[in-house]
Structure formats: structure tokens, C-alpha cells
Amino acid sequence: MANGDQIQVNKLFAIFALLDAETGTTDGVWVDTGLFERASFHLEIGAGTLQIRGSNNPTKPADNTHGFQIGADKTATAEIGTSILPRWVKARVTVDTSG
């Protein structure tokens, strides 16, 4: 599965794979969340630091543009929720400690 792929979408919710089996640091890819009001992010990271990033640009930002951070840096499995969802969302691995 590629980064940013839709896993499931219906009238109540959508599930996206923001990152899938990444190794090393990565900027991630932007996913358009303009149709949704809020989100919950389930984060699973083996070794490193993961961030959820947001942008309200009217058009899709370049993947190497990082926008603003949603929640705090995560270094272990976690949940992040937001009741105000930006137009674009991505996951970014900023530190890889897998050795």
C-alpha cells in the first residue's frame, strides 16, 4: 500500500494509510481531508519520532513543505485526535532510531 492511500471511505468516516512500512526519515505525502470536520490518528512507530502535520493551503502543498504540527512528537504507539481538521494532513518521520 502506498503512502496516502484510502483504505476505507463512507459517509461517516475515512481511513487513510498516511505512512506504510517506511524506513528512515520521510516527509510523507499530503492527504486531502477537506470533506471532514475532525480526525483521530492511530500512530504505530517502531523506532523514531513521528509527527502529524497539517496545512490549510487551497491547493496541495509540496511534500517537502511541512505546514504546522498537530499534537506532540510521538515515539511510541499513540492516538492523536483533533476537532478542527485542516484541509491537508500528512505524517512525517523526523528521527529514525532503528539503527
PDB file of N, CA and C in Angstrom:
ATOM      1  N   MET A   1       0.847  -1.171   0.000  1.00  0.00           N
ATOM      2  CA  MET A   1       0.000   0.000   0.000  1.00  0.00           C
ATOM      3  C   MET A   1       0.895   1.238   0.000  1.00  0.00           C
ATOM      4  N   ALA A   2       0.548   2.214  -0.779  1.00  0.00           N
ATOM      5  CA  ALA A   2       1.350   3.433  -0.871  1.00  0.00           C
ATOM      6  C   ALA A   2       0.942   4.434   0.205  1.00  0.00           C
ATOM      7  N   ASN A   3       1.848   5.326   0.542  1.00  0.00           N
ATOM      8  CA  ASN A   3       1.539   6.382   1.495  1.00  0.00           C
ATOM      9  C   ASN A   3       0.404   7.237   0.959  1.00  0.00           C
ATOM     10  N   GLY A   4      -0.556   7.560   1.830  1.00  0.00           N
ATOM     11  CA  GLY A   4      -1.688   8.388   1.449  1.00  0.00           C
ATOM     12  C   GLY A   4      -2.862   7.638   0.851  1.00  0.00           C
ATOM     13  N   ASP A   5      -2.752   6.322   0.679  1.00  0.00           N
ATOM     14  CA  ASP A   5      -3.844   5.532   0.095  1.00  0.00           C
ATOM     15  C   ASP A   5      -5.068   5.508   1.002  1.00  0.00           C
ATOM     16  N   GLN A   6      -6.263   5.555   0.380  1.00  0.00           N
ATOM     17  CA  GLN A   6      -7.505   5.365   1.121  1.00  0.00           C
ATOM     18  C   GLN A   6      -7.685   3.878   1.385  1.00  0.00           C
ATOM     19  N   ILE A   7      -7.980   3.535   2.623  1.00  0.00           N
ATOM     20  CA  ILE A   7      -8.264   2.148   2.978  1.00  0.00           C
ATOM     21  C   ILE A   7      -9.765   1.917   2.970  1.00  0.00           C
ATOM     22  N   GLN A   8     -10.514   2.859   3.554  1.00  0.00           N
ATOM     23  CA  GLN A   8     -11.971   2.750   3.599  1.00  0.00           C
ATOM     24  C   GLN A   8     -12.561   4.152   3.657  1.00  0.00           C
ATOM     25  N   VAL A   9     -13.616   4.391   2.895  1.00  0.00           N
ATOM     26  CA  VAL A   9     -14.304   5.683   2.903  1.00  0.00           C
ATOM     27  C   VAL A   9     -15.802   5.416   2.845  1.00  0.00           C
ATOM     28  N   ASN A  10     -16.557   6.079   3.721  1.00  0.00           N
ATOM     29  CA  ASN A  10     -18.015   6.047   3.642  1.00  0.00           C
ATOM     30  C   ASN A  10     -18.535   7.405   4.088  1.00  0.00           C
ATOM     31  N   LYS A  11     -19.840   7.553   4.272  1.00  0.00           N
ATOM     32  CA  LYS A  11     -20.383   8.871   4.596  1.00  0.00           C
ATOM     33  C   LYS A  11     -20.050   9.332   6.014  1.00  0.00           C
ATOM     34  N   LEU A  12     -19.606   8.431   6.881  1.00  0.00           N
ATOM     35  CA  LEU A  12     -19.300   8.798   8.259  1.00  0.00           C
ATOM     36  C   LEU A  12     -17.815   8.980   8.536  1.00  0.00           C
ATOM     37  N   PHE A  13     -16.955   8.248   7.829  1.00  0.00           N
ATOM     38  CA  PHE A  13     -15.526   8.333   8.130  1.00  0.00           C
ATOM     39  C   PHE A  13     -14.695   7.842   6.956  1.00  0.00           C
ATOM     40  N   ALA A  14     -13.407   8.101   7.052  1.00  0.00           N
ATOM     41  CA  ALA A  14     -12.440   7.609   6.063  1.00  0.00           C
ATOM     42  C   ALA A  14     -11.208   7.116   6.803  1.00  0.00           C
ATOM     43  N   ILE A  15     -10.580   6.092   6.258  1.00  0.00           N
ATOM     44  CA  ILE A  15      -9.334   5.572   6.817  1.00  0.00           C
ATOM     45  C   ILE A  15      -8.271   5.685   5.733  1.00  0.00           C
ATOM     46  N   PHE A  16      -7.165   6.337   6.070  1.00  0.00           N
ATOM     47  CA  PHE A  16      -6.048   6.511   5.143  1.00  0.00           C
ATOM     48  C   PHE A  16      -4.789   5.909   5.749  1.00  0.00           C
ATOM     49  N   ALA A  17      -3.923   5.380   4.926  1.00  0.00           N
ATOM     50  CA  ALA A  17      -2.581   4.970   5.356  1.00  0.00           C
ATOM     51  C   ALA A  17      -1.660   6.154   5.080  1.00  0.00           C
ATOM     52  N   LEU A  18      -1.404   6.981   6.095  1.00  0.00           N
ATOM     53  CA  LEU A  18      -0.555   8.149   5.882  1.00  0.00           C
ATOM     54  C   LEU A  18       0.876   7.726   5.583  1.00  0.00           C
ATOM     55  N   LEU A  19       1.372   6.741   6.302  1.00  0.00           N
ATOM     56  CA  LEU A  19       2.676   6.130   6.029  1.00  0.00           C
ATOM     57  C   LEU A  19       2.506   4.630   6.138  1.00  0.00           C
ATOM     58  N   ASP A  20       3.239   3.883   5.326  1.00  0.00           N
ATOM     59  CA  ASP A  20       3.130   2.426   5.357  1.00  0.00           C
ATOM     60  C   ASP A  20       4.508   1.800   5.179  1.00  0.00           C
ATOM     61  N   ALA A  21       5.005   1.148   6.227  1.00  0.00           N
ATOM     62  CA  ALA A  21       6.264   0.394   6.192  1.00  0.00           C
ATOM     63  C   ALA A  21       7.456   1.254   5.778  1.00  0.00           C
ATOM     64  N   GLU A  22       7.507   2.483   6.268  1.00  0.00           N
ATOM     65  CA  GLU A  22       8.633   3.366   5.963  1.00  0.00           C
ATOM     66  C   GLU A  22       9.853   2.981   6.788  1.00  0.00           C
ATOM     67  N   THR A  23      11.019   3.144   6.204  1.00  0.00           N
ATOM     68  CA  THR A  23      12.276   3.004   6.935  1.00  0.00           C
ATOM     69  C   THR A  23      13.049   4.298   6.758  1.00  0.00           C
ATOM     70  N   GLY A  24      13.674   4.762   7.815  1.00  0.00           N
ATOM     71  CA  GLY A  24      14.388   6.033   7.756  1.00  0.00           C
ATOM     72  C   GLY A  24      13.439   7.208   7.913  1.00  0.00           C
ATOM     73  N   THR A  25      13.983   8.404   7.757  1.00  0.00           N
ATOM     74  CA  THR A  25      13.151   9.601   7.845  1.00  0.00           C
ATOM     75  C   THR A  25      12.409   9.798   6.522  1.00  0.00           C
ATOM     76  N   THR A  26      11.256  10.437   6.599  1.00  0.00           N
ATOM     77  CA  THR A  26      10.466  10.703   5.388  1.00  0.00           C
ATOM     78  C   THR A  26       9.586  11.917   5.610  1.00  0.00           C
ATOM     79  N   ASP A  27       9.327  12.664   4.538  1.00  0.00           N
ATOM     80  CA  ASP A  27       8.435  13.815   4.608  1.00  0.00           C
ATOM     81  C   ASP A  27       6.970  13.414   4.536  1.00  0.00           C
ATOM     82  N   GLY A  28       6.648  12.219   4.031  1.00  0.00           N
ATOM     83  CA  GLY A  28       5.262  11.808   3.870  1.00  0.00           C
ATOM     84  C   GLY A  28       4.600  12.506   2.692  1.00  0.00           C
ATOM     85  N   VAL A  29       3.327  12.189   2.461  1.00  0.00           N
ATOM     86  CA  VAL A  29       2.552  12.792   1.374  1.00  0.00           C
ATOM     87  C   VAL A  29       1.285  13.414   1.957  1.00  0.00           C
ATOM     88  N   TRP A  30       0.830  14.494   1.353  1.00  0.00           N
ATOM     89  CA  TRP A  30      -0.362  15.188   1.824  1.00  0.00           C
ATOM     90  C   TRP A  30      -1.628  14.459   1.378  1.00  0.00           C
ATOM     91  N   VAL A  31      -2.596  14.355   2.290  1.00  0.00           N
ATOM     92  CA  VAL A  31      -3.903  13.754   2.024  1.00  0.00           C
ATOM     93  C   VAL A  31      -4.955  14.848   2.186  1.00  0.00           C
ATOM     94  N   ASP A  32      -5.860  14.960   1.221  1.00  0.00           N
ATOM     95  CA  ASP A  32      -6.927  15.960   1.251  1.00  0.00           C
ATOM     96  C   ASP A  32      -8.002  15.521   2.237  1.00  0.00           C
ATOM     97  N   THR A  33      -8.181  16.296   3.304  1.00  0.00           N
ATOM     98  CA  THR A  33      -9.187  15.986   4.322  1.00  0.00           C
ATOM     99  C   THR A  33     -10.272  17.071   4.368  1.00  0.00           C
ATOM    100  N   GLY A  34     -10.431  17.792   3.271  1.00  0.00           N
ATOM    101  CA  GLY A  34     -11.355  18.915   3.225  1.00  0.00           C
ATOM    102  C   GLY A  34     -12.818  18.566   3.453  1.00  0.00           C
ATOM    103  N   LEU A  35     -13.197  17.303   3.281  1.00  0.00           N
ATOM    104  CA  LEU A  35     -14.596  16.906   3.466  1.00  0.00           C
ATOM    105  C   LEU A  35     -14.926  16.495   4.897  1.00  0.00           C
ATOM    106  N   PHE A  36     -13.931  16.518   5.784  1.00  0.00           N
ATOM    107  CA  PHE A  36     -14.124  16.014   7.142  1.00  0.00           C
ATOM    108  C   PHE A  36     -13.960  17.129   8.164  1.00  0.00           C
ATOM    109  N   GLU A  37     -14.695  17.031   9.283  1.00  0.00           N
ATOM    110  CA  GLU A  37     -14.639  18.042  10.336  1.00  0.00           C
ATOM    111  C   GLU A  37     -13.577  17.741  11.381  1.00  0.00           C
ATOM    112  N   ARG A  38     -13.365  16.483  11.694  1.00  0.00           N
ATOM    113  CA  ARG A  38     -12.425  16.111  12.762  1.00  0.00           C
ATOM    114  C   ARG A  38     -11.764  14.798  12.405  1.00  0.00           C
ATOM    115  N   ALA A  39     -10.728  14.452  13.173  1.00  0.00           N
ATOM    116  CA  ALA A  39      -9.984  13.233  12.859  1.00  0.00           C
ATOM    117  C   ALA A  39      -9.376  12.633  14.112  1.00  0.00           C
ATOM    118  N   SER A  40      -9.128  11.357  14.026  1.00  0.00           N
ATOM    119  CA  SER A  40      -8.366  10.621  15.026  1.00  0.00           C
ATOM    120  C   SER A  40      -7.255   9.903  14.278  1.00  0.00           C
ATOM    121  N   PHE A  41      -6.039  10.027  14.771  1.00  0.00           N
ATOM    122  CA  PHE A  41      -4.887   9.408  14.129  1.00  0.00           C
ATOM    123  C   PHE A  41      -4.346   8.311  15.025  1.00  0.00           C
ATOM    124  N   HIS A  42      -4.288   7.098  14.509  1.00  0.00           N
ATOM    125  CA  HIS A  42      -3.683   5.979  15.233  1.00  0.00           C
ATOM    126  C   HIS A  42      -2.259   5.847  14.715  1.00  0.00           C
ATOM    127  N   LEU A  43      -1.289   6.029  15.593  1.00  0.00           N
ATOM    128  CA  LEU A  43       0.117   6.037  15.200  1.00  0.00           C
ATOM    129  C   LEU A  43       0.823   4.805  15.734  1.00  0.00           C
ATOM    130  N   GLU A  44       1.514   4.116  14.855  1.00  0.00           N
ATOM    131  CA  GLU A  44       2.353   2.990  15.251  1.00  0.00           C
ATOM    132  C   GLU A  44       3.747   3.253  14.712  1.00  0.00           C
ATOM    133  N   ILE A  45       4.707   3.354  15.609  1.00  0.00           N
ATOM    134  CA  ILE A  45       6.084   3.601  15.199  1.00  0.00           C
ATOM    135  C   ILE A  45       6.994   2.679  15.989  1.00  0.00           C
ATOM    136  N   GLY A  46       7.891   2.015  15.283  1.00  0.00           N
ATOM    137  CA  GLY A  46       8.800   1.078  15.934  1.00  0.00           C
ATOM    138  C   GLY A  46       9.972   1.767  16.592  1.00  0.00           C
ATOM    139  N   ALA A  47      10.650   2.638  15.852  1.00  0.00           N
ATOM    140  CA  ALA A  47      11.830   3.318  16.370  1.00  0.00           C
ATOM    141  C   ALA A  47      11.969   4.658  15.669  1.00  0.00           C
ATOM    142  N   GLY A  48      11.832   5.732  16.418  1.00  0.00           N
ATOM    143  CA  GLY A  48      11.984   7.050  15.822  1.00  0.00           C
ATOM    144  C   GLY A  48      10.963   8.032  16.361  1.00  0.00           C
ATOM    145  N   THR A  49      10.807   9.130  15.653  1.00  0.00           N
ATOM    146  CA  THR A  49       9.889  10.195  16.048  1.00  0.00           C
ATOM    147  C   THR A  49       8.944  10.487  14.891  1.00  0.00           C
ATOM    148  N   LEU A  50       7.649  10.458  15.177  1.00  0.00           N
ATOM    149  CA  LEU A  50       6.610  10.661  14.173  1.00  0.00           C
ATOM    150  C   LEU A  50       5.822  11.918  14.507  1.00  0.00           C
ATOM    151  N   GLN A  51       5.489  12.682  13.479  1.00  0.00           N
ATOM    152  CA  GLN A  51       4.661  13.874  13.628  1.00  0.00           C
ATOM    153  C   GLN A  51       3.474  13.796  12.669  1.00  0.00           C
ATOM    154  N   ILE A  52       2.340  14.353  13.090  1.00  0.00           N
ATOM    155  CA  ILE A  52       1.219  14.604  12.190  1.00  0.00           C
ATOM    156  C   ILE A  52       1.283  16.087  11.856  1.00  0.00           C
ATOM    157  N   ARG A  53       1.248  16.406  10.559  1.00  0.00           N
ATOM    158  CA  ARG A  53       1.378  17.784  10.094  1.00  0.00           C
ATOM    159  C   ARG A  53       0.104  18.201   9.363  1.00  0.00           C
ATOM    160  N   GLY A  54      -0.226  19.472   9.398  1.00  0.00           N
ATOM    161  CA  GLY A  54      -1.408  19.988   8.733  1.00  0.00           C
ATOM    162  C   GLY A  54      -1.107  21.228   7.910  1.00  0.00           C
ATOM    163  N   SER A  55      -1.973  21.506   6.954  1.00  0.00           N
ATOM    164  CA  SER A  55      -1.865  22.712   6.132  1.00  0.00           C
ATOM    165  C   SER A  55      -3.263  23.118   5.683  1.00  0.00           C
ATOM    166  N   ASN A  56      -3.501  24.412   5.617  1.00  0.00           N
ATOM    167  CA  ASN A  56      -4.768  24.935   5.101  1.00  0.00           C
ATOM    168  C   ASN A  56      -4.597  25.588   3.737  1.00  0.00           C
ATOM    169  N   ASN A  57      -3.540  25.251   3.027  1.00  0.00           N
ATOM    170  CA  ASN A  57      -3.346  25.775   1.673  1.00  0.00           C
ATOM    171  C   ASN A  57      -4.552  25.419   0.804  1.00  0.00           C
ATOM    172  N   PRO A  58      -4.943  26.289  -0.118  1.00  0.00           N
ATOM    173  CA  PRO A  58      -6.061  25.966  -1.006  1.00  0.00           C
ATOM    174  C   PRO A  58      -5.726  24.862  -2.011  1.00  0.00           C
ATOM    175  N   THR A  59      -4.440  24.689  -2.324  1.00  0.00           N
ATOM    176  CA  THR A  59      -4.001  23.616  -3.220  1.00  0.00           C
ATOM    177  C   THR A  59      -3.004  22.731  -2.481  1.00  0.00           C
ATOM    178  N   LYS A  60      -2.811  21.523  -2.985  1.00  0.00           N
ATOM    179  CA  LYS A  60      -1.936  20.556  -2.321  1.00  0.00           C
ATOM    180  C   LYS A  60      -0.513  21.101  -2.204  1.00  0.00           C
ATOM    181  N   PRO A  61       0.033  21.145  -0.973  1.00  0.00           N
ATOM    182  CA  PRO A  61       1.408  21.610  -0.793  1.00  0.00           C
ATOM    183  C   PRO A  61       2.408  20.570  -1.315  1.00  0.00           C
ATOM    184  N   ALA A  62       3.614  21.008  -1.578  1.00  0.00           N
ATOM    185  CA  ALA A  62       4.688  20.074  -1.922  1.00  0.00           C
ATOM    186  C   ALA A  62       4.967  19.192  -0.710  1.00  0.00           C
ATOM    187  N   ASP A  63       5.337  17.939  -0.942  1.00  0.00           N
ATOM    188  CA  ASP A  63       5.561  17.014   0.171  1.00  0.00           C
ATOM    189  C   ASP A  63       6.688  17.467   1.090  1.00  0.00           C
ATOM    190  N   ASN A  64       7.651  18.247   0.581  1.00  0.00           N
ATOM    191  CA  ASN A  64       8.739  18.723   1.439  1.00  0.00           C
ATOM    192  C   ASN A  64       8.371  20.013   2.179  1.00  0.00           C
ATOM    193  N   THR A  65       7.110  20.452   2.067  1.00  0.00           N
ATOM    194  CA  THR A  65       6.572  21.550   2.870  1.00  0.00           C
ATOM    195  C   THR A  65       5.908  20.927   4.087  1.00  0.00           C
ATOM    196  N   HIS A  66       6.180  21.477   5.275  1.00  0.00           N
ATOM    197  CA  HIS A  66       5.748  20.780   6.487  1.00  0.00           C
ATOM    198  C   HIS A  66       4.562  21.397   7.219  1.00  0.00           C
ATOM    199  N   GLY A  67       4.083  22.561   6.810  1.00  0.00           N
ATOM    200  CA  GLY A  67       2.902  23.128   7.449  1.00  0.00           C
ATOM    201  C   GLY A  67       3.080  23.274   8.953  1.00  0.00           C
ATOM    202  N   PHE A  68       2.029  22.956   9.711  1.00  0.00           N
ATOM    203  CA  PHE A  68       2.077  23.063  11.170  1.00  0.00           C
ATOM    204  C   PHE A  68       1.861  21.687  11.789  1.00  0.00           C
ATOM    205  N   GLN A  69       2.313  21.545  13.033  1.00  0.00           N
ATOM    206  CA  GLN A  69       2.219  20.256  13.719  1.00  0.00           C
ATOM    207  C   GLN A  69       0.883  20.127  14.444  1.00  0.00           C
ATOM    208  N   ILE A  70       0.285  18.933  14.372  1.00  0.00           N
ATOM    209  CA  ILE A  70      -0.935  18.593  15.104  1.00  0.00           C
ATOM    210  C   ILE A  70      -0.523  17.653  16.228  1.00  0.00           C
ATOM    211  N   GLY A  71      -0.693  18.076  17.471  1.00  0.00           N
ATOM    212  CA  GLY A  71      -0.263  17.256  18.598  1.00  0.00           C
ATOM    213  C   GLY A  71       1.245  17.315  18.783  1.00  0.00           C
ATOM    214  N   ALA A  72       1.733  16.498  19.695  1.00  0.00           N
ATOM    215  CA  ALA A  72       3.161  16.470  20.033  1.00  0.00           C
ATOM    216  C   ALA A  72       3.879  15.371  19.263  1.00  0.00           C
ATOM    217  N   ASP A  73       5.216  15.448  19.234  1.00  0.00           N
ATOM    218  CA  ASP A  73       6.021  14.366  18.670  1.00  0.00           C
ATOM    219  C   ASP A  73       5.676  13.058  19.374  1.00  0.00           C
ATOM    220  N   LYS A  74       5.623  11.967  18.621  1.00  0.00           N
ATOM    221  CA  LYS A  74       5.330  10.651  19.194  1.00  0.00           C
ATOM    222  C   LYS A  74       6.494   9.705  18.918  1.00  0.00           C
ATOM    223  N   THR A  75       6.867   8.932  19.938  1.00  0.00           N
ATOM    224  CA  THR A  75       7.959   7.968  19.809  1.00  0.00           C
ATOM    225  C   THR A  75       7.495   6.547  20.106  1.00  0.00           C
ATOM    226  N   ALA A  76       6.200   6.373  20.313  1.00  0.00           N
ATOM    227  CA  ALA A  76       5.616   5.056  20.575  1.00  0.00           C
ATOM    228  C   ALA A  76       4.174   5.073  20.068  1.00  0.00           C
ATOM    229  N   THR A  77       3.541   3.916  20.011  1.00  0.00           N
ATOM    230  CA  THR A  77       2.151   3.817  19.575  1.00  0.00           C
ATOM    231  C   THR A  77       1.293   4.798  20.374  1.00  0.00           C
ATOM    232  N   ALA A  78       0.444   5.549  19.674  1.00  0.00           N
ATOM    233  CA  ALA A  78      -0.352   6.587  20.332  1.00  0.00           C
ATOM    234  C   ALA A  78      -1.568   6.928  19.488  1.00  0.00           C
ATOM    235  N   GLU A  79      -2.473   7.690  20.078  1.00  0.00           N
ATOM    236  CA  GLU A  79      -3.635   8.247  19.388  1.00  0.00           C
ATOM    237  C   GLU A  79      -3.566   9.766  19.495  1.00  0.00           C
ATOM    238  N   ILE A  80      -3.878  10.441  18.404  1.00  0.00           N
ATOM    239  CA  ILE A  80      -3.995  11.896  18.400  1.00  0.00           C
ATOM    240  C   ILE A  80      -5.362  12.219  17.811  1.00  0.00           C
ATOM    241  N   GLY A  81      -6.121  13.059  18.498  1.00  0.00           N
ATOM    242  CA  GLY A  81      -7.417  13.483  17.987  1.00  0.00           C
ATOM    243  C   GLY A  81      -7.433  14.988  17.782  1.00  0.00           C
ATOM    244  N   THR A  82      -8.223  15.442  16.836  1.00  0.00           N
ATOM    245  CA  THR A  82      -8.384  16.876  16.625  1.00  0.00           C
ATOM    246  C   THR A  82      -9.826  17.155  16.221  1.00  0.00           C
ATOM    247  N   SER A  83     -10.412  18.189  16.822  1.00  0.00           N
ATOM    248  CA  SER A  83     -11.786  18.552  16.477  1.00  0.00           C
ATOM    249  C   SER A  83     -11.818  19.655  15.424  1.00  0.00           C
ATOM    250  N   ILE A  84     -10.661  20.172  15.053  1.00  0.00           N
ATOM    251  CA  ILE A  84     -10.552  21.154  13.978  1.00  0.00           C
ATOM    252  C   ILE A  84      -9.535  20.608  12.989  1.00  0.00           C
ATOM    253  N   LEU A  85     -10.016  20.100  11.877  1.00  0.00           N
ATOM    254  CA  LEU A  85      -9.161  19.422  10.908  1.00  0.00           C
ATOM    255  C   LEU A  85      -8.761  20.375   9.790  1.00  0.00           C
ATOM    256  N   PRO A  86      -7.469  20.477   9.494  1.00  0.00           N
ATOM    257  CA  PRO A  86      -7.048  21.306   8.367  1.00  0.00           C
ATOM    258  C   PRO A  86      -7.404  20.658   7.030  1.00  0.00           C
ATOM    259  N   ARG A  87      -7.212  21.383   5.959  1.00  0.00           N
ATOM    260  CA  ARG A  87      -7.530  20.890   4.615  1.00  0.00           C
ATOM    261  C   ARG A  87      -6.639  19.719   4.213  1.00  0.00           C
ATOM    262  N   TRP A  88      -5.365  19.756   4.590  1.00  0.00           N
ATOM    263  CA  TRP A  88      -4.389  18.734   4.206  1.00  0.00           C
ATOM    264  C   TRP A  88      -3.715  18.178   5.448  1.00  0.00           C
ATOM    265  N   VAL A  89      -3.448  16.865   5.454  1.00  0.00           N
ATOM    266  CA  VAL A  89      -2.789  16.195   6.578  1.00  0.00           C
ATOM    267  C   VAL A  89      -1.744  15.236   6.026  1.00  0.00           C
ATOM    268  N   LYS A  90      -0.642  15.085   6.765  1.00  0.00           N
ATOM    269  CA  LYS A  90       0.364  14.078   6.420  1.00  0.00           C
ATOM    270  C   LYS A  90       1.076  13.632   7.684  1.00  0.00           C
ATOM    271  N   ALA A  91       1.734  12.492   7.599  1.00  0.00           N
ATOM    272  CA  ALA A  91       2.596  12.009   8.675  1.00  0.00           C
ATOM    273  C   ALA A  91       4.034  12.199   8.225  1.00  0.00           C
ATOM    274  N   ARG A  92       4.912  12.513   9.176  1.00  0.00           N
ATOM    275  CA  ARG A  92       6.323  12.771   8.870  1.00  0.00           C
ATOM    276  C   ARG A  92       7.186  12.100   9.929  1.00  0.00           C
ATOM    277  N   VAL A  93       8.168  11.319   9.497  1.00  0.00           N
ATOM    278  CA  VAL A  93       9.149  10.737  10.416  1.00  0.00           C
ATOM    279  C   VAL A  93      10.352  11.666  10.419  1.00  0.00           C
ATOM    280  N   THR A  94      10.627  12.276  11.577  1.00  0.00           N
ATOM    281  CA  THR A  94      11.707  13.260  11.665  1.00  0.00           C
ATOM    282  C   THR A  94      13.004  12.672  12.193  1.00  0.00           C
ATOM    283  N   VAL A  95      12.910  11.599  12.968  1.00  0.00           N
ATOM    284  CA  VAL A  95      14.098  10.949  13.530  1.00  0.00           C
ATOM    285  C   VAL A  95      13.927   9.453  13.380  1.00  0.00           C
ATOM    286  N   ASP A  96      14.951   8.780  12.861  1.00  0.00           N
ATOM    287  CA  ASP A  96      14.941   7.317  12.752  1.00  0.00           C
ATOM    288  C   ASP A  96      15.979   6.764  13.714  1.00  0.00           C
ATOM    289  N   THR A  97      15.530   5.958  14.676  1.00  0.00           N
ATOM    290  CA  THR A  97      16.455   5.369  15.647  1.00  0.00           C
ATOM    291  C   THR A  97      16.523   3.855  15.502  1.00  0.00           C
ATOM    292  N   SER A  98      16.169   3.347  14.322  1.00  0.00           N
ATOM    293  CA  SER A  98      16.163   1.892  14.127  1.00  0.00           C
ATOM    294  C   SER A  98      17.566   1.329  13.959  1.00  0.00           C
ATOM    295  N   GLY A  99      18.544   2.213  13.775  1.00  0.00           N
ATOM    296  CA  GLY A  99      19.941   1.780  13.727  1.00  0.00           C
ATOM    297  C   GLY A  99      20.367   1.373  12.390  1.00  0.00           C
TER     298      GLY A  99
END
